[in-house]
């Protein structure tokens, strides 16, 4: 039930892994993309083997009205290409308001503004 979460950007890919039950995710690494797209995908696919993950969860930055913009098309294309190198399930997670929710949780926990900027 372990999952690997991917926050796909044009320059970097944020990677988090879940606990074995797939309940709690923790940051794993920030992967800097190279010019060799297939090599990047192979490295990410190999991580599923290493971590014994059964699925990838990829953030999908939908527009606030739920429509899909240009960035969503790029991420879906990334996922299609990743599926060439892994048999793991790939699911998408709506990212709308995820940054707002995270900031709110940090504020409620009492974290100072200077520290929140670093997160």
C-alpha atoms as a PDB file:
ATOM      1  CA  UNK A   1       0.000   0.000   0.000  1.00  0.00           C
ATOM      2  CA  UNK A   2       3.046   2.307  -0.028  1.00  0.00           C
ATOM      3  CA  UNK A   3       2.686   5.215  -2.446  1.00  0.00           C
ATOM      4  CA  UNK A   4       5.111   7.590  -4.110  1.00  0.00           C
ATOM      5  CA  UNK A   5       3.764  11.103  -4.603  1.00  0.00           C
ATOM      6  CA  UNK A   6       5.101  13.293  -7.385  1.00  0.00           C
ATOM      7  CA  UNK A   7       4.785  17.056  -7.708  1.00  0.00           C
ATOM      8  CA  UNK A   8       5.865  17.469 -11.312  1.00  0.00           C
ATOM      9  CA  UNK A   9       7.429  20.751 -12.368  1.00  0.00           C
ATOM     10  CA  UNK A  10       9.309  21.773 -15.469  1.00  0.00           C
ATOM     11  CA  UNK A  11      12.659  21.998 -13.647  1.00  0.00           C
ATOM     12  CA  UNK A  12      12.165  19.832 -10.552  1.00  0.00           C
ATOM     13  CA  UNK A  13      10.001  16.986  -9.346  1.00  0.00           C
ATOM     14  CA  UNK A  14       9.109  16.865  -5.679  1.00  0.00           C
ATOM     15  CA  UNK A  15       9.005  13.292  -4.410  1.00  0.00           C
ATOM     16  CA  UNK A  16       7.347  12.042  -1.237  1.00  0.00           C
ATOM     17  CA  UNK A  17       6.875   8.485  -0.016  1.00  0.00           C
ATOM     18  CA  UNK A  18       4.180   7.138   2.222  1.00  0.00           C
ATOM     19  CA  UNK A  19       4.389   4.816   5.161  1.00  0.00           C
ATOM     20  CA  UNK A  20       3.741   1.124   4.393  1.00  0.00           C
ATOM     21  CA  UNK A  21       0.002   1.587   5.056  1.00  0.00           C
ATOM     22  CA  UNK A  22      -0.199   4.469   2.575  1.00  0.00           C
ATOM     23  CA  UNK A  23      -1.539   6.875   5.207  1.00  0.00           C
ATOM     24  CA  UNK A  24       1.239   9.362   6.015  1.00  0.00           C
ATOM     25  CA  UNK A  25       3.532  10.883   3.395  1.00  0.00           C
ATOM     26  CA  UNK A  26       6.955  12.358   4.059  1.00  0.00           C
ATOM     27  CA  UNK A  27       9.184  14.344   1.748  1.00  0.00           C
ATOM     28  CA  UNK A  28      11.796  12.131   0.136  1.00  0.00           C
ATOM     29  CA  UNK A  29      13.749  14.304  -2.299  1.00  0.00           C
ATOM     30  CA  UNK A  30      13.559  17.054  -4.858  1.00  0.00           C
ATOM     31  CA  UNK A  31      14.682  15.596  -8.154  1.00  0.00           C
ATOM     32  CA  UNK A  32      16.251  18.022 -10.629  1.00  0.00           C
ATOM     33  CA  UNK A  33      15.186  17.063 -14.118  1.00  0.00           C
ATOM     34  CA  UNK A  34      17.829  16.492 -16.769  1.00  0.00           C
ATOM     35  CA  UNK A  35      17.751  16.776 -20.532  1.00  0.00           C
ATOM     36  CA  UNK A  36      17.381  12.988 -20.763  1.00  0.00           C
ATOM     37  CA  UNK A  37      13.628  12.597 -20.205  1.00  0.00           C
ATOM     38  CA  UNK A  38      13.661   8.791 -20.441  1.00  0.00           C
ATOM     39  CA  UNK A  39      16.518   8.514 -17.930  1.00  0.00           C
ATOM     40  CA  UNK A  40      14.551  10.699 -15.510  1.00  0.00           C
ATOM     41  CA  UNK A  41      11.495   8.482 -15.905  1.00  0.00           C
ATOM     42  CA  UNK A  42      13.560   5.326 -15.416  1.00  0.00           C
ATOM     43  CA  UNK A  43      15.014   6.725 -12.196  1.00  0.00           C
ATOM     44  CA  UNK A  44      11.560   7.557 -10.851  1.00  0.00           C
ATOM     45  CA  UNK A  45      10.200   4.157 -11.903  1.00  0.00           C
ATOM     46  CA  UNK A  46      13.139   2.436 -10.189  1.00  0.00           C
ATOM     47  CA  UNK A  47      12.270   4.256  -6.984  1.00  0.00           C
ATOM     48  CA  UNK A  48       8.978   2.330  -6.885  1.00  0.00           C
ATOM     49  CA  UNK A  49      10.978  -0.889  -6.884  1.00  0.00           C
ATOM     50  CA  UNK A  50      13.378   0.330  -4.198  1.00  0.00           C
ATOM     51  CA  UNK A  51      10.612   1.613  -1.928  1.00  0.00           C
ATOM     52  CA  UNK A  52       8.291  -1.309  -2.742  1.00  0.00           C
ATOM     53  CA  UNK A  53       5.544   1.119  -3.723  1.00  0.00           C
ATOM     54  CA  UNK A  54       2.421  -0.112  -5.427  1.00  0.00           C
ATOM     55  CA  UNK A  55       1.335   3.219  -6.936  1.00  0.00           C
ATOM     56  CA  UNK A  56       2.317   6.725  -7.935  1.00  0.00           C
ATOM     57  CA  UNK A  57       0.143   9.675  -6.928  1.00  0.00           C
ATOM     58  CA  UNK A  58       0.696  12.665  -9.183  1.00  0.00           C
ATOM     59  CA  UNK A  59      -0.546  16.137  -8.303  1.00  0.00           C
ATOM     60  CA  UNK A  60      -2.891  17.652 -10.856  1.00  0.00           C
ATOM     61  CA  UNK A  61      -3.081  21.483 -10.797  1.00  0.00           C
ATOM     62  CA  UNK A  62      -6.655  21.923 -11.949  1.00  0.00           C
ATOM     63  CA  UNK A  63      -8.068  25.402 -12.448  1.00  0.00           C
ATOM     64  CA  UNK A  64     -10.291  26.645  -9.627  1.00  0.00           C
ATOM     65  CA  UNK A  65     -13.393  25.875 -11.707  1.00  0.00           C
ATOM     66  CA  UNK A  66     -12.214  22.278 -12.168  1.00  0.00           C
ATOM     67  CA  UNK A  67     -11.163  22.630 -15.793  1.00  0.00           C
ATOM     68  CA  UNK A  68      -7.846  21.389 -17.072  1.00  0.00           C
ATOM     69  CA  UNK A  69      -5.298  23.882 -18.337  1.00  0.00           C
ATOM     70  CA  UNK A  70      -2.071  23.541 -20.286  1.00  0.00           C
ATOM     71  CA  UNK A  71      -0.053  22.419 -17.249  1.00  0.00           C
ATOM     72  CA  UNK A  72      -2.474  19.534 -16.622  1.00  0.00           C
ATOM     73  CA  UNK A  73      -1.938  18.297 -20.181  1.00  0.00           C
ATOM     74  CA  UNK A  74       1.834  18.313 -19.590  1.00  0.00           C
ATOM     75  CA  UNK A  75       1.450  16.330 -16.370  1.00  0.00           C
ATOM     76  CA  UNK A  76      -0.860  13.782 -17.986  1.00  0.00           C
ATOM     77  CA  UNK A  77       1.727  13.399 -20.764  1.00  0.00           C
ATOM     78  CA  UNK A  78       4.417  12.881 -18.103  1.00  0.00           C
ATOM     79  CA  UNK A  79       2.276  10.159 -16.484  1.00  0.00           C
ATOM     80  CA  UNK A  80       1.679   8.442 -19.836  1.00  0.00           C
ATOM     81  CA  UNK A  81       5.424   8.380 -20.429  1.00  0.00           C
ATOM     82  CA  UNK A  82       6.133   7.134 -16.891  1.00  0.00           C
ATOM     83  CA  UNK A  83       3.772   4.220 -17.532  1.00  0.00           C
ATOM     84  CA  UNK A  84       6.187   3.021 -20.252  1.00  0.00           C
ATOM     85  CA  UNK A  85       8.744   2.259 -17.525  1.00  0.00           C
ATOM     86  CA  UNK A  86       6.592   0.902 -14.709  1.00  0.00           C
ATOM     87  CA  UNK A  87       3.623  -1.357 -14.185  1.00  0.00           C
ATOM     88  CA  UNK A  88       2.666   0.517 -11.002  1.00  0.00           C
ATOM     89  CA  UNK A  89      -0.738   2.149 -10.876  1.00  0.00           C
ATOM     90  CA  UNK A  90      -0.722   5.910 -11.541  1.00  0.00           C
ATOM     91  CA  UNK A  91      -3.442   8.038  -9.967  1.00  0.00           C
ATOM     92  CA  UNK A  92      -3.982  11.779  -9.957  1.00  0.00           C
ATOM     93  CA  UNK A  93      -4.708  14.014  -6.973  1.00  0.00           C
ATOM     94  CA  UNK A  94      -6.449  17.376  -7.313  1.00  0.00           C
ATOM     95  CA  UNK A  95      -4.026  20.027  -6.044  1.00  0.00           C
ATOM     96  CA  UNK A  96      -6.471  22.931  -5.890  1.00  0.00           C
ATOM     97  CA  UNK A  97      -5.987  24.893  -2.679  1.00  0.00           C
ATOM     98  CA  UNK A  98      -3.305  22.501  -1.387  1.00  0.00           C
ATOM     99  CA  UNK A  99      -0.873  25.385  -0.807  1.00  0.00           C
ATOM    100  CA  UNK A 100      -3.556  27.400   0.987  1.00  0.00           C
ATOM    101  CA  UNK A 101      -4.400  24.425   3.215  1.00  0.00           C
ATOM    102  CA  UNK A 102      -0.743  23.825   4.048  1.00  0.00           C
ATOM    103  CA  UNK A 103      -0.168  27.481   4.914  1.00  0.00           C
ATOM    104  CA  UNK A 104      -3.263  27.519   7.130  1.00  0.00           C
ATOM    105  CA  UNK A 105      -2.058  24.432   9.006  1.00  0.00           C
ATOM    106  CA  UNK A 106       1.360  26.024   9.559  1.00  0.00           C
ATOM    107  CA  UNK A 107      -0.226  29.224  10.865  1.00  0.00           C
ATOM    108  CA  UNK A 108      -2.493  27.263  13.219  1.00  0.00           C
ATOM    109  CA  UNK A 109       0.524  25.371  14.524  1.00  0.00           C
ATOM    110  CA  UNK A 110       2.098  28.691  15.521  1.00  0.00           C
ATOM    111  CA  UNK A 111       4.925  28.685  12.985  1.00  0.00           C
ATOM    112  CA  UNK A 112       6.365  32.158  12.459  1.00  0.00           C
ATOM    113  CA  UNK A 113       6.136  33.811   9.046  1.00  0.00           C
ATOM    114  CA  UNK A 114       9.911  33.632   8.458  1.00  0.00           C
ATOM    115  CA  UNK A 115       9.903  29.865   8.939  1.00  0.00           C
ATOM    116  CA  UNK A 116       6.750  29.394   6.822  1.00  0.00           C
ATOM    117  CA  UNK A 117       8.514  31.054   3.884  1.00  0.00           C
ATOM    118  CA  UNK A 118      11.182  28.335   3.995  1.00  0.00           C
ATOM    119  CA  UNK A 119       8.677  25.488   3.845  1.00  0.00           C
END
